[in-house]
C-alpha atoms as a PDB file:
ATOM      1  CA  MET A   1     -73.120   6.149  90.263  1.00  0.00           C
ATOM      2  CA  ARG A   2     -69.722   4.534  89.850  1.00  0.00           C
ATOM      3  CA  ASP A   3     -70.653   3.155  86.407  1.00  0.00           C
ATOM      4  CA  PHE A   4     -71.890   6.591  85.362  1.00  0.00           C
ATOM      5  CA  ALA A   5     -68.592   8.197  86.412  1.00  0.00           C
ATOM      6  CA  GLN A   6     -66.587   5.541  84.570  1.00  0.00           C
ATOM      7  CA  ARG A   7     -68.728   6.058  81.486  1.00  0.00           C
ATOM      8  CA  LEU A   8     -67.998   9.789  81.544  1.00  0.00           C
ATOM      9  CA  PHE A   9     -64.298   9.244  82.175  1.00  0.00           C
ATOM     10  CA  ALA A  10     -63.900   6.587  79.447  1.00  0.00           C
ATOM     11  CA  PRO A  11     -63.419   9.065  76.533  1.00  0.00           C
ATOM     12  CA  ILE A  12     -60.804  10.997  78.527  1.00  0.00           C
ATOM     13  CA  PHE A  13     -58.960   7.812  79.477  1.00  0.00           C
ATOM     14  CA  ALA A  14     -59.149   6.498  75.898  1.00  0.00           C
ATOM     15  CA  GLY A  15     -57.902   9.830  74.556  1.00  0.00           C
ATOM     16  CA  LEU A  16     -54.940   9.975  76.927  1.00  0.00           C
ATOM     17  CA  ILE A  17     -53.825   6.473  75.966  1.00  0.00           C
ATOM     18  CA  ALA A  18     -54.317   7.113  72.234  1.00  0.00           C
ATOM     19  CA  PHE A  19     -52.435  10.419  72.333  1.00  0.00           C
ATOM     20  CA  ALA A  20     -49.591   8.818  74.318  1.00  0.00           C
ATOM     21  CA  ILE A  21     -49.169   5.984  71.790  1.00  0.00           C
ATOM     22  CA  THR A  22     -49.401   8.413  68.865  1.00  0.00           C
ATOM     23  CA  ALA A  23     -46.880  10.759  70.476  1.00  0.00           C
ATOM     24  CA  ILE A  24     -44.408   7.904  70.828  1.00  0.00           C
ATOM     25  CA  GLY A  25     -44.868   6.597  67.300  1.00  0.00           C
ATOM     26  CA  GLN A  26     -45.233   9.887  65.428  1.00  0.00           C
ATOM     27  CA  GLY A  27     -43.007  11.905  67.775  1.00  0.00           C
ATOM     28  CA  LEU A  28     -40.096   9.533  67.363  1.00  0.00           C
ATOM     29  CA  TRP A  29     -40.513   9.486  63.589  1.00  0.00           C
ATOM     30  CA  GLY A  30     -40.723  13.261  63.296  1.00  0.00           C
ATOM     31  CA  GLY A  31     -37.661  13.747  65.485  1.00  0.00           C
ATOM     32  CA  LEU A  32     -35.639  11.181  63.561  1.00  0.00           C
ATOM     33  CA  VAL A  33     -36.546  12.758  60.199  1.00  0.00           C
ATOM     34  CA  ILE A  34     -35.532  16.244  61.356  1.00  0.00           C
ATOM     35  CA  LEU A  35     -32.225  14.975  62.759  1.00  0.00           C
ATOM     36  CA  ASN A  36     -31.558  12.927  59.619  1.00  0.00           C
ATOM     37  CA  MET A  37     -32.232  15.908  57.346  1.00  0.00           C
ATOM     38  CA  LYS A  38     -29.918  18.150  59.364  1.00  0.00           C
ATOM     39  CA  THR A  39     -27.005  15.739  59.679  1.00  0.00           C
ATOM     40  CA  SER A  40     -26.886  13.430  56.646  1.00  0.00           C
ATOM     41  CA  PRO A  41     -29.758  13.894  54.163  1.00  0.00           C
ATOM     42  CA  GLY A  42     -28.042  11.643  51.630  1.00  0.00           C
ATOM     43  CA  LEU A  43     -28.230   8.644  53.983  1.00  0.00           C
ATOM     44  CA  PRO A  44     -31.806   7.881  55.146  1.00  0.00           C
ATOM     45  CA  TRP A  45     -30.773   6.163  58.392  1.00  0.00           C
ATOM     46  CA  ALA A  46     -33.974   7.392  60.101  1.00  0.00           C
ATOM     47  CA  ALA A  47     -36.067   4.916  58.080  1.00  0.00           C
ATOM     48  CA  PRO A  48     -34.503   1.622  59.299  1.00  0.00           C
ATOM     49  CA  THR A  49     -34.131   3.063  62.796  1.00  0.00           C
ATOM     50  CA  MET A  50     -37.836   3.888  62.937  1.00  0.00           C
ATOM     51  CA  LEU A  51     -38.716   0.456  61.554  1.00  0.00           C
ATOM     52  CA  VAL A  52     -36.936  -1.192  64.496  1.00  0.00           C
ATOM     53  CA  LEU A  53     -38.617   1.163  66.998  1.00  0.00           C
ATOM     54  CA  LEU A  54     -42.001   0.544  65.386  1.00  0.00           C
ATOM     55  CA  VAL A  55     -41.568  -3.224  65.738  1.00  0.00           C
ATOM     56  CA  LEU A  56     -40.616  -2.813  69.405  1.00  0.00           C
ATOM     57  CA  LEU A  57     -43.625  -0.556  70.042  1.00  0.00           C
ATOM     58  CA  TRP A  58     -45.971  -3.008  68.321  1.00  0.00           C
ATOM     59  CA  ARG A  59     -44.573  -5.944  70.277  1.00  0.00           C
ATOM     60  CA  TYR A  60     -45.152  -4.139  73.556  1.00  0.00           C
ATOM     61  CA  LEU A  61     -48.679  -3.028  72.676  1.00  0.00           C
ATOM     62  CA  SER A  62     -49.529  -6.592  71.618  1.00  0.00           C
ATOM     63  CA  GLY A  63     -48.677  -7.946  75.067  1.00  0.00           C
ATOM     64  CA  ARG A  64     -44.938  -8.642  74.987  1.00  0.00           C
ATOM     65  CA  GLY A  65     -42.559  -7.387  77.631  1.00  0.00           C
ATOM     66  CA  TRP A  66     -42.897  -6.117  81.183  1.00  0.00           C
ATOM     67  CA  PRO A  67     -45.108  -6.119  83.170  1.00  0.00           C
ATOM     68  CA  ALA A  68     -46.487  -9.598  82.585  1.00  0.00           C
ATOM     69  CA  SER A  69     -49.574  -8.739  84.632  1.00  0.00           C
ATOM     70  CA  THR A  70     -50.834  -6.425  81.862  1.00  0.00           C
ATOM     71  CA  SER A  71     -49.875  -8.668  78.946  1.00  0.00           C
ATOM     72  CA  ALA A  72     -53.343 -10.134  78.333  1.00  0.00           C
ATOM     73  CA  LYS A  73     -55.059  -6.753  78.626  1.00  0.00           C
ATOM     74  CA  ARG A  74     -52.608  -5.125  76.205  1.00  0.00           C
ATOM     75  CA  LYS A  75     -53.124  -7.902  73.660  1.00  0.00           C
ATOM     76  CA  THR A  76     -56.905  -7.639  73.913  1.00  0.00           C
ATOM     77  CA  SER A  77     -56.880  -3.834  73.724  1.00  0.00           C
ATOM     78  CA  LEU A  78     -54.749  -3.826  70.567  1.00  0.00           C
ATOM     79  CA  ASN A  79     -57.479  -5.798  68.746  1.00  0.00           C
ATOM     80  CA  ALA A  80     -55.048  -7.277  66.224  1.00  0.00           C
ATOM     81  CA  LYS A  81     -56.828 -10.579  65.607  1.00  0.00           C
ATOM     82  CA  PRO A  82     -56.330 -12.635  62.423  1.00  0.00           C
ATOM     83  CA  VAL A  83     -58.681 -11.743  59.559  1.00  0.00           C
ATOM     84  CA  SER A  84     -60.031 -14.123  56.919  1.00  0.00           C
ATOM     85  CA  ALA A  85     -59.177 -13.516  53.276  1.00  0.00           C
ATOM     86  CA  GLU A  86     -62.796 -12.707  52.405  1.00  0.00           C
ATOM     87  CA  VAL A  87     -63.119 -10.156  55.213  1.00  0.00           C
ATOM     88  CA  MET A  88     -59.779  -8.590  54.248  1.00  0.00           C
ATOM     89  CA  ILE A  89     -60.803  -8.286  50.599  1.00  0.00           C
ATOM     90  CA  TRP A  90     -64.092  -6.553  51.429  1.00  0.00           C
ATOM     91  CA  SER A  91     -62.330  -4.353  53.984  1.00  0.00           C
ATOM     92  CA  LEU A  92     -59.937  -3.204  51.271  1.00  0.00           C
ATOM     93  CA  ILE A  93     -62.771  -2.656  48.791  1.00  0.00           C
ATOM     94  CA  ALA A  94     -64.902  -0.660  51.246  1.00  0.00           C
ATOM     95  CA  GLY A  95     -61.896   1.245  52.558  1.00  0.00           C
ATOM     96  CA  GLY A  96     -60.495   1.913  49.080  1.00  0.00           C
ATOM     97  CA  LEU A  97     -63.789   3.338  47.847  1.00  0.00           C
ATOM     98  CA  GLY A  98     -63.943   5.472  50.990  1.00  0.00           C
ATOM     99  CA  ILE A  99     -60.430   6.801  50.325  1.00  0.00           C
ATOM    100  CA  VAL A 100     -61.437   7.906  46.825  1.00  0.00           C
ATOM    101  CA  ALA A 101     -64.458   9.673  48.319  1.00  0.00           C
ATOM    102  CA  LEU A 102     -62.289  11.348  50.968  1.00  0.00           C
ATOM    103  CA  ALA A 103     -59.789  12.495  48.343  1.00  0.00           C
ATOM    104  CA  GLY A 104     -62.578  14.080  46.326  1.00  0.00           C
ATOM    105  CA  GLY A 105     -64.024  15.690  49.438  1.00  0.00           C
ATOM    106  CA  TRP A 106     -60.628  17.081  50.422  1.00  0.00           C
ATOM    107  CA  ILE A 107     -60.102  18.667  46.990  1.00  0.00           C
ATOM    108  CA  VAL A 108     -63.614  20.150  46.948  1.00  0.00           C
ATOM    109  CA  ALA A 109     -63.196  21.520  50.473  1.00  0.00           C
ATOM    110  CA  PHE A 110     -59.871  23.146  49.592  1.00  0.00           C
ATOM    111  CA  GLN A 111     -61.534  24.918  46.672  1.00  0.00           C
ATOM    112  CA  MET A 112     -64.448  26.130  48.788  1.00  0.00           C
ATOM    113  CA  ILE A 113     -62.786  27.078  52.091  1.00  0.00           C
ATOM    114  CA  LYS A 114     -59.372  28.576  52.742  1.00  0.00           C
ATOM    115  CA  MET A 115     -57.511  26.056  54.929  1.00  0.00           C
ATOM    116  CA  PRO A 116     -53.912  25.723  56.147  1.00  0.00           C
ATOM    117  CA  LEU A 117     -51.720  23.511  53.992  1.00  0.00           C
ATOM    118  CA  ASN A 118     -50.179  20.305  55.274  1.00  0.00           C
ATOM    119  CA  VAL A 119     -46.459  20.889  55.682  1.00  0.00           C
ATOM    120  CA  LEU A 120     -44.655  18.626  53.223  1.00  0.00           C
ATOM    121  CA  THR A 121     -40.946  18.456  52.497  1.00  0.00           C
ATOM    122  CA  ASN A 122     -40.043  19.599  49.006  1.00  0.00           C
ATOM    123  CA  PRO A 123     -38.776  16.426  47.265  1.00  0.00           C
ATOM    124  CA  GLY A 124     -36.444  18.482  45.091  1.00  0.00           C
ATOM    125  CA  ASP A 125     -34.459  19.610  48.125  1.00  0.00           C
ATOM    126  CA  TYR A 126     -33.237  16.122  49.038  1.00  0.00           C
ATOM    127  CA  PRO A 127     -31.907  12.979  47.290  1.00  0.00           C
ATOM    128  CA  LEU A 128     -34.588  10.793  45.727  1.00  0.00           C
ATOM    129  CA  PRO A 129     -33.656   7.603  47.674  1.00  0.00           C
ATOM    130  CA  THR A 130     -34.028   9.550  50.929  1.00  0.00           C
ATOM    131  CA  MET A 131     -37.464  10.851  49.983  1.00  0.00           C
ATOM    132  CA  ILE A 132     -38.629   7.383  48.886  1.00  0.00           C
ATOM    133  CA  ALA A 133     -37.424   5.852  52.161  1.00  0.00           C
ATOM    134  CA  PHE A 134     -39.181   8.574  54.158  1.00  0.00           C
ATOM    135  CA  LEU A 135     -42.388   8.158  52.135  1.00  0.00           C
ATOM    136  CA  VAL A 136     -42.430   4.403  52.739  1.00  0.00           C
ATOM    137  CA  LEU A 137     -41.689   4.635  56.475  1.00  0.00           C
ATOM    138  CA  GLY A 138     -44.009   7.602  56.926  1.00  0.00           C
ATOM    139  CA  SER A 139     -46.789   5.540  55.383  1.00  0.00           C
ATOM    140  CA  LEU A 140     -46.063   2.748  57.872  1.00  0.00           C
ATOM    141  CA  ALA A 141     -45.311   4.686  61.058  1.00  0.00           C
ATOM    142  CA  ALA A 142     -48.571   6.647  61.075  1.00  0.00           C
ATOM    143  CA  PRO A 143     -50.926   3.742  60.225  1.00  0.00           C
ATOM    144  CA  PHE A 144     -49.374   1.244  62.639  1.00  0.00           C
ATOM    145  CA  SER A 145     -49.100   3.652  65.567  1.00  0.00           C
ATOM    146  CA  GLU A 146     -52.412   5.451  64.952  1.00  0.00           C
ATOM    147  CA  GLU A 147     -54.425   2.299  64.313  1.00  0.00           C
ATOM    148  CA  ALA A 148     -53.005   0.753  67.472  1.00  0.00           C
ATOM    149  CA  ALA A 149     -53.769   3.958  69.372  1.00  0.00           C
ATOM    150  CA  PHE A 150     -57.232   4.870  68.099  1.00  0.00           C
ATOM    151  CA  ARG A 151     -58.883   1.840  66.484  1.00  0.00           C
ATOM    152  CA  GLY A 152     -57.114  -0.556  68.840  1.00  0.00           C
ATOM    153  CA  TYR A 153     -56.799   0.752  72.379  1.00  0.00           C
ATOM    154  CA  ALA A 154     -59.177   3.747  72.335  1.00  0.00           C
ATOM    155  CA  GLN A 155     -62.011   2.110  70.405  1.00  0.00           C
ATOM    156  CA  SER A 156     -61.713  -1.087  72.477  1.00  0.00           C
ATOM    157  CA  ILE A 157     -62.008   0.923  75.698  1.00  0.00           C
ATOM    158  CA  LEU A 158     -64.956   2.953  74.448  1.00  0.00           C
ATOM    159  CA  GLN A 159     -66.882  -0.062  73.137  1.00  0.00           C
ATOM    160  CA  ARG A 160     -67.016  -1.389  76.699  1.00  0.00           C
ATOM    161  CA  TRP A 161     -69.157   1.604  77.689  1.00  0.00           C
ATOM    162  CA  TYR A 162     -70.834   2.781  74.485  1.00  0.00           C
ATOM    163  CA  ALA A 163     -72.535   1.331  71.433  1.00  0.00           C
ATOM    164  CA  ALA A 164     -70.159   0.787  68.517  1.00  0.00           C
ATOM    165  CA  PRO A 165     -71.334   3.813  66.433  1.00  0.00           C
ATOM    166  CA  VAL A 166     -70.871   6.119  69.431  1.00  0.00           C
ATOM    167  CA  ALA A 167     -67.434   4.650  70.153  1.00  0.00           C
ATOM    168  CA  ILE A 168     -66.397   5.173  66.518  1.00  0.00           C
ATOM    169  CA  VAL A 169     -67.604   8.800  66.580  1.00  0.00           C
ATOM    170  CA  ILE A 170     -65.744   9.589  69.823  1.00  0.00           C
ATOM    171  CA  THR A 171     -62.590   7.878  68.562  1.00  0.00           C
ATOM    172  CA  SER A 172     -62.819   9.805  65.291  1.00  0.00           C
ATOM    173  CA  VAL A 173     -63.086  13.104  67.173  1.00  0.00           C
ATOM    174  CA  LEU A 174     -59.946  12.161  69.122  1.00  0.00           C
ATOM    175  CA  PHE A 175     -58.245  11.156  65.871  1.00  0.00           C
ATOM    176  CA  ALA A 176     -59.075  14.522  64.303  1.00  0.00           C
ATOM    177  CA  LEU A 177     -57.794  16.414  67.345  1.00  0.00           C
ATOM    178  CA  ALA A 178     -54.520  14.489  67.155  1.00  0.00           C
ATOM    179  CA  HIS A 179     -53.923  16.130  63.748  1.00  0.00           C
ATOM    180  CA  PHE A 180     -54.213  19.718  65.006  1.00  0.00           C
ATOM    181  CA  PRO A 181     -50.488  20.387  64.277  1.00  0.00           C
ATOM    182  CA  GLN A 182     -51.432  20.293  60.576  1.00  0.00           C
ATOM    183  CA  GLY A 183     -53.792  23.226  61.079  1.00  0.00           C
ATOM    184  CA  LEU A 184     -56.485  23.765  63.684  1.00  0.00           C
ATOM    185  CA  SER A 185     -59.229  24.407  61.156  1.00  0.00           C
ATOM    186  CA  LEU A 186     -62.766  23.071  61.680  1.00  0.00           C
ATOM    187  CA  PRO A 187     -63.270  22.093  57.998  1.00  0.00           C
ATOM    188  CA  LYS A 188     -59.903  20.347  57.964  1.00  0.00           C
ATOM    189  CA  MET A 189     -60.591  18.611  61.269  1.00  0.00           C
ATOM    190  CA  SER A 190     -63.922  17.459  59.790  1.00  0.00           C
ATOM    191  CA  LEU A 191     -62.067  15.726  56.962  1.00  0.00           C
ATOM    192  CA  TYR A 192     -59.795  13.953  59.441  1.00  0.00           C
ATOM    193  CA  PHE A 193     -62.918  13.018  61.385  1.00  0.00           C
ATOM    194  CA  GLY A 194     -64.270  11.413  58.194  1.00  0.00           C
ATOM    195  CA  ALA A 195     -61.044   9.448  57.812  1.00  0.00           C
ATOM    196  CA  GLY A 196     -61.388   8.304  61.424  1.00  0.00           C
ATOM    197  CA  VAL A 197     -64.927   7.075  60.778  1.00  0.00           C
ATOM    198  CA  LEU A 198     -63.700   5.185  57.717  1.00  0.00           C
ATOM    199  CA  PHE A 199     -60.840   3.445  59.544  1.00  0.00           C
ATOM    200  CA  GLY A 200     -62.959   2.852  62.647  1.00  0.00           C
ATOM    201  CA  SER A 201     -65.756   1.260  60.623  1.00  0.00           C
ATOM    202  CA  VAL A 202     -63.330  -1.107  58.893  1.00  0.00           C
ATOM    203  CA  ALA A 203     -61.817  -2.144  62.243  1.00  0.00           C
ATOM    204  CA  TYR A 204     -65.269  -2.619  63.789  1.00  0.00           C
ATOM    205  CA  PHE A 205     -66.801  -4.743  61.038  1.00  0.00           C
ATOM    206  CA  ALA A 206     -63.628  -6.801  60.549  1.00  0.00           C
ATOM    207  CA  ARG A 207     -63.177  -7.049  64.346  1.00  0.00           C
ATOM    208  CA  SER A 208     -59.468  -6.343  63.895  1.00  0.00           C
ATOM    209  CA  ILE A 209     -57.087  -3.489  63.119  1.00  0.00           C
ATOM    210  CA  TRP A 210     -55.236  -5.821  60.750  1.00  0.00           C
ATOM    211  CA  ALA A 211     -57.980  -4.851  58.294  1.00  0.00           C
ATOM    212  CA  SER A 212     -57.838  -1.087  58.958  1.00  0.00           C
ATOM    213  CA  ILE A 213     -54.017  -0.820  58.819  1.00  0.00           C
ATOM    214  CA  PRO A 214     -53.684  -1.501  55.049  1.00  0.00           C
ATOM    215  CA  VAL A 215     -56.582   0.880  54.386  1.00  0.00           C
ATOM    216  CA  HIS A 216     -54.801   3.566  56.418  1.00  0.00           C
ATOM    217  CA  ILE A 217     -51.541   2.888  54.544  1.00  0.00           C
ATOM    218  CA  ALA A 218     -53.334   3.243  51.201  1.00  0.00           C
ATOM    219  CA  ALA A 219     -54.916   6.496  52.380  1.00  0.00           C
ATOM    220  CA  ASP A 220     -51.574   7.968  53.447  1.00  0.00           C
ATOM    221  CA  LEU A 221     -49.886   6.998  50.189  1.00  0.00           C
ATOM    222  CA  THR A 222     -52.784   8.461  48.197  1.00  0.00           C
ATOM    223  CA  PHE A 223     -52.761  11.788  50.010  1.00  0.00           C
ATOM    224  CA  PHE A 224     -48.958  12.057  50.238  1.00  0.00           C
ATOM    225  CA  THR A 225     -48.506  11.532  46.496  1.00  0.00           C
ATOM    226  CA  LEU A 226     -51.736  12.561  44.723  1.00  0.00           C
ATOM    227  CA  VAL A 227     -53.549  15.108  46.896  1.00  0.00           C
ATOM    228  CA  TRP A 228     -51.456  17.174  49.322  1.00  0.00           C
ATOM    229  CA  PRO A 229     -48.652  18.112  46.873  1.00  0.00           C
ATOM    230  CA  HIS A 230     -51.262  19.811  44.642  1.00  0.00           C
ATOM    231  CA  ASP A 231     -53.044  21.781  47.396  1.00  0.00           C
ATOM    232  CA  PRO A 232     -50.899  24.953  46.983  1.00  0.00           C
ATOM    233  CA  ALA A 233     -52.087  25.265  43.372  1.00  0.00           C
ATOM    234  CA  ARG A 234     -55.798  25.038  44.199  1.00  0.00           C
ATOM    235  CA  HIS A 235     -57.856  28.251  43.946  1.00  0.00           C
ATOM    236  CA  LEU A 236     -61.067  29.139  45.729  1.00  0.00           C
ATOM    237  CA  ILE A 237     -64.063  28.848  43.448  1.00  0.00           C
ATOM    238  CA  TRP A 238     -65.363  32.142  44.883  1.00  0.00           C
ATOM    239  CA  GLU A 239     -62.370  33.848  43.289  1.00  0.00           C
ATOM    240  CA  THR A 240     -61.895  31.968  40.007  1.00  0.00           C
ATOM    241  CA  GLY A 241     -65.193  30.165  39.502  1.00  0.00           C
ATOM    242  CA  ALA A 242     -65.898  26.441  39.498  1.00  0.00           C
ATOM    243  CA  ASP A 243     -64.272  24.621  36.607  1.00  0.00           C
ATOM    244  CA  ALA A 244     -65.121  21.151  35.293  1.00  0.00           C
ATOM    245  CA  TRP A 245     -62.635  19.475  37.629  1.00  0.00           C
ATOM    246  CA  PHE A 246     -64.375  20.915  40.673  1.00  0.00           C
ATOM    247  CA  TRP A 247     -67.652  19.278  39.646  1.00  0.00           C
ATOM    248  CA  ILE A 248     -65.884  16.034  38.731  1.00  0.00           C
ATOM    249  CA  HIS A 249     -64.358  15.868  42.210  1.00  0.00           C
ATOM    250  CA  ALA A 250     -67.707  16.735  43.796  1.00  0.00           C
ATOM    251  CA  ALA A 251     -69.340  13.873  41.866  1.00  0.00           C
ATOM    252  CA  GLN A 252     -66.415  11.630  42.817  1.00  0.00           C
ATOM    253  CA  THR A 253     -67.109  12.315  46.494  1.00  0.00           C
ATOM    254  CA  VAL A 254     -70.814  11.485  46.284  1.00  0.00           C
ATOM    255  CA  VAL A 255     -70.563   8.442  43.996  1.00  0.00           C
ATOM    256  CA  PHE A 256     -67.681   6.752  45.785  1.00  0.00           C
ATOM    257  CA  LEU A 257     -69.174   7.469  49.201  1.00  0.00           C
ATOM    258  CA  ALA A 258     -72.335   5.645  48.123  1.00  0.00           C
ATOM    259  CA  LEU A 259     -70.296   2.761  46.708  1.00  0.00           C
ATOM    260  CA  SER A 260     -68.288   2.581  49.936  1.00  0.00           C
ATOM    261  CA  VAL A 261     -71.482   2.337  52.007  1.00  0.00           C
ATOM    262  CA  LEU A 262     -72.682  -0.557  49.813  1.00  0.00           C
ATOM    263  CA  ALA A 263     -69.307  -2.271  50.197  1.00  0.00           C
ATOM    264  CA  PHE A 264     -69.480  -1.841  53.972  1.00  0.00           C
ATOM    265  CA  ARG A 265     -72.884  -3.531  53.956  1.00  0.00           C
ATOM    266  CA  GLN A 266     -71.310  -6.491  52.184  1.00  0.00           C
ATOM    267  CA  LEU A 267     -68.361  -6.459  54.601  1.00  0.00           C
ATOM    268  CA  ALA A 268     -70.784  -6.613  57.533  1.00  0.00           C
ATOM    269  CA  LYS A 269     -72.555  -9.627  55.984  1.00  0.00           C
ATOM    270  CA  VAL A 270     -69.305 -11.437  55.222  1.00  0.00           C
ATOM    271  CA  ALA A 271     -67.910 -10.806  58.711  1.00  0.00           C
ATOM    272  CA  ALA A 272     -71.165 -11.917  60.383  1.00  0.00           C
ATOM    273  CA  ARG A 273     -71.251 -15.076  58.273  1.00  0.00           C
ATOM    274  CA  GLY A 274     -67.672 -15.851  59.225  1.00  0.00           C
ATOM    275  CA  ARG A 275     -68.416 -15.444  62.930  1.00  0.00           C
ATOM    276  CA  ALA A 276     -71.503 -17.672  62.589  1.00  0.00           C
ATOM    277  CA  TYR A 277     -69.419 -20.409  60.960  1.00  0.00           C
ATOM    278  CA  ALA A 278     -66.808 -20.089  63.711  1.00  0.00           C
ATOM    279  CA  ASP A 279     -69.464 -20.327  66.436  1.00  0.00           C
ATOM    280  CA  GLU A 280     -71.039 -23.352  64.773  1.00  0.00           C
ATOM    281  CA  ALA A 281     -67.681 -25.095  64.447  1.00  0.00           C
ATOM    282  CA  SER A 282     -66.929 -24.358  68.085  1.00  0.00           C
ATOM    283  CA  ALA A 283     -70.301 -25.737  69.194  1.00  0.00           C
ATOM    284  CA  TYR A 284     -69.714 -29.051  67.372  1.00  0.00           C
ATOM    285  CA  ALA A 285     -66.059 -29.372  68.364  1.00  0.00           C
ATOM    286  CA  LEU A 286     -65.293 -32.560  70.261  1.00  0.00           C
ATOM    287  CA  PRO A 287     -63.735 -32.177  73.725  1.00  0.00           C
ATOM    288  CA  ALA A 288     -60.029 -33.029  73.938  1.00  0.00           C
END
């Protein structure tokens, strides 16, 4: 009975921890950007300030600092283990193909369903160096804090009670809900859910969020620069008809999703082979 209760409570506990970490990382960044824009937009002091805070947050989540009694558990929960070059390469390939598929799916969805726009600062309103600094730090703050929160702590907690696919699905639902400030729309939340599945799958197969972080960074940079700025100009196909670009993006979604699945299969094989080699080396290691 106790195990059953803990199993039911696990998603709630995982969600509370993930939302708390995300609120610290993203909340601090959002507050710093607003204050920076209001006081001195020509001097992007929020970027280096957030970089220092991000390092401190990461150090704590990885087991540094007080209390020492929770150090080992924090380090294990973060799931930031070293990744081999081969696993990293296939993680980037599988994740990159998935990002292209997600970008196509986002564009198609925006032309089929009316959804709220992501609120983006108009680059023309502020100095270029400031916008570049904010773009770079924004593409670091979200991946590091969200990967630590969802693919690190939350997914680690859930995998103790559920099979990996179930843990990834629950974590992805939590990840989508964390983005409700950008518009509480079911189609939009579904796209964030897809991104969560992508990042969660990379972290699971690679056994480390060090593989999912660069994929998340690439996704943020792609959407910040190539997708979201063009959303206001997109028209519903029910009003203007489907042009050639709509069908190109639809094909992009299907083709690159299939390629991503194939790449994930290879990532799984490479990661399993690496673990087998490590186990074999450990078995034949001589005692000290």
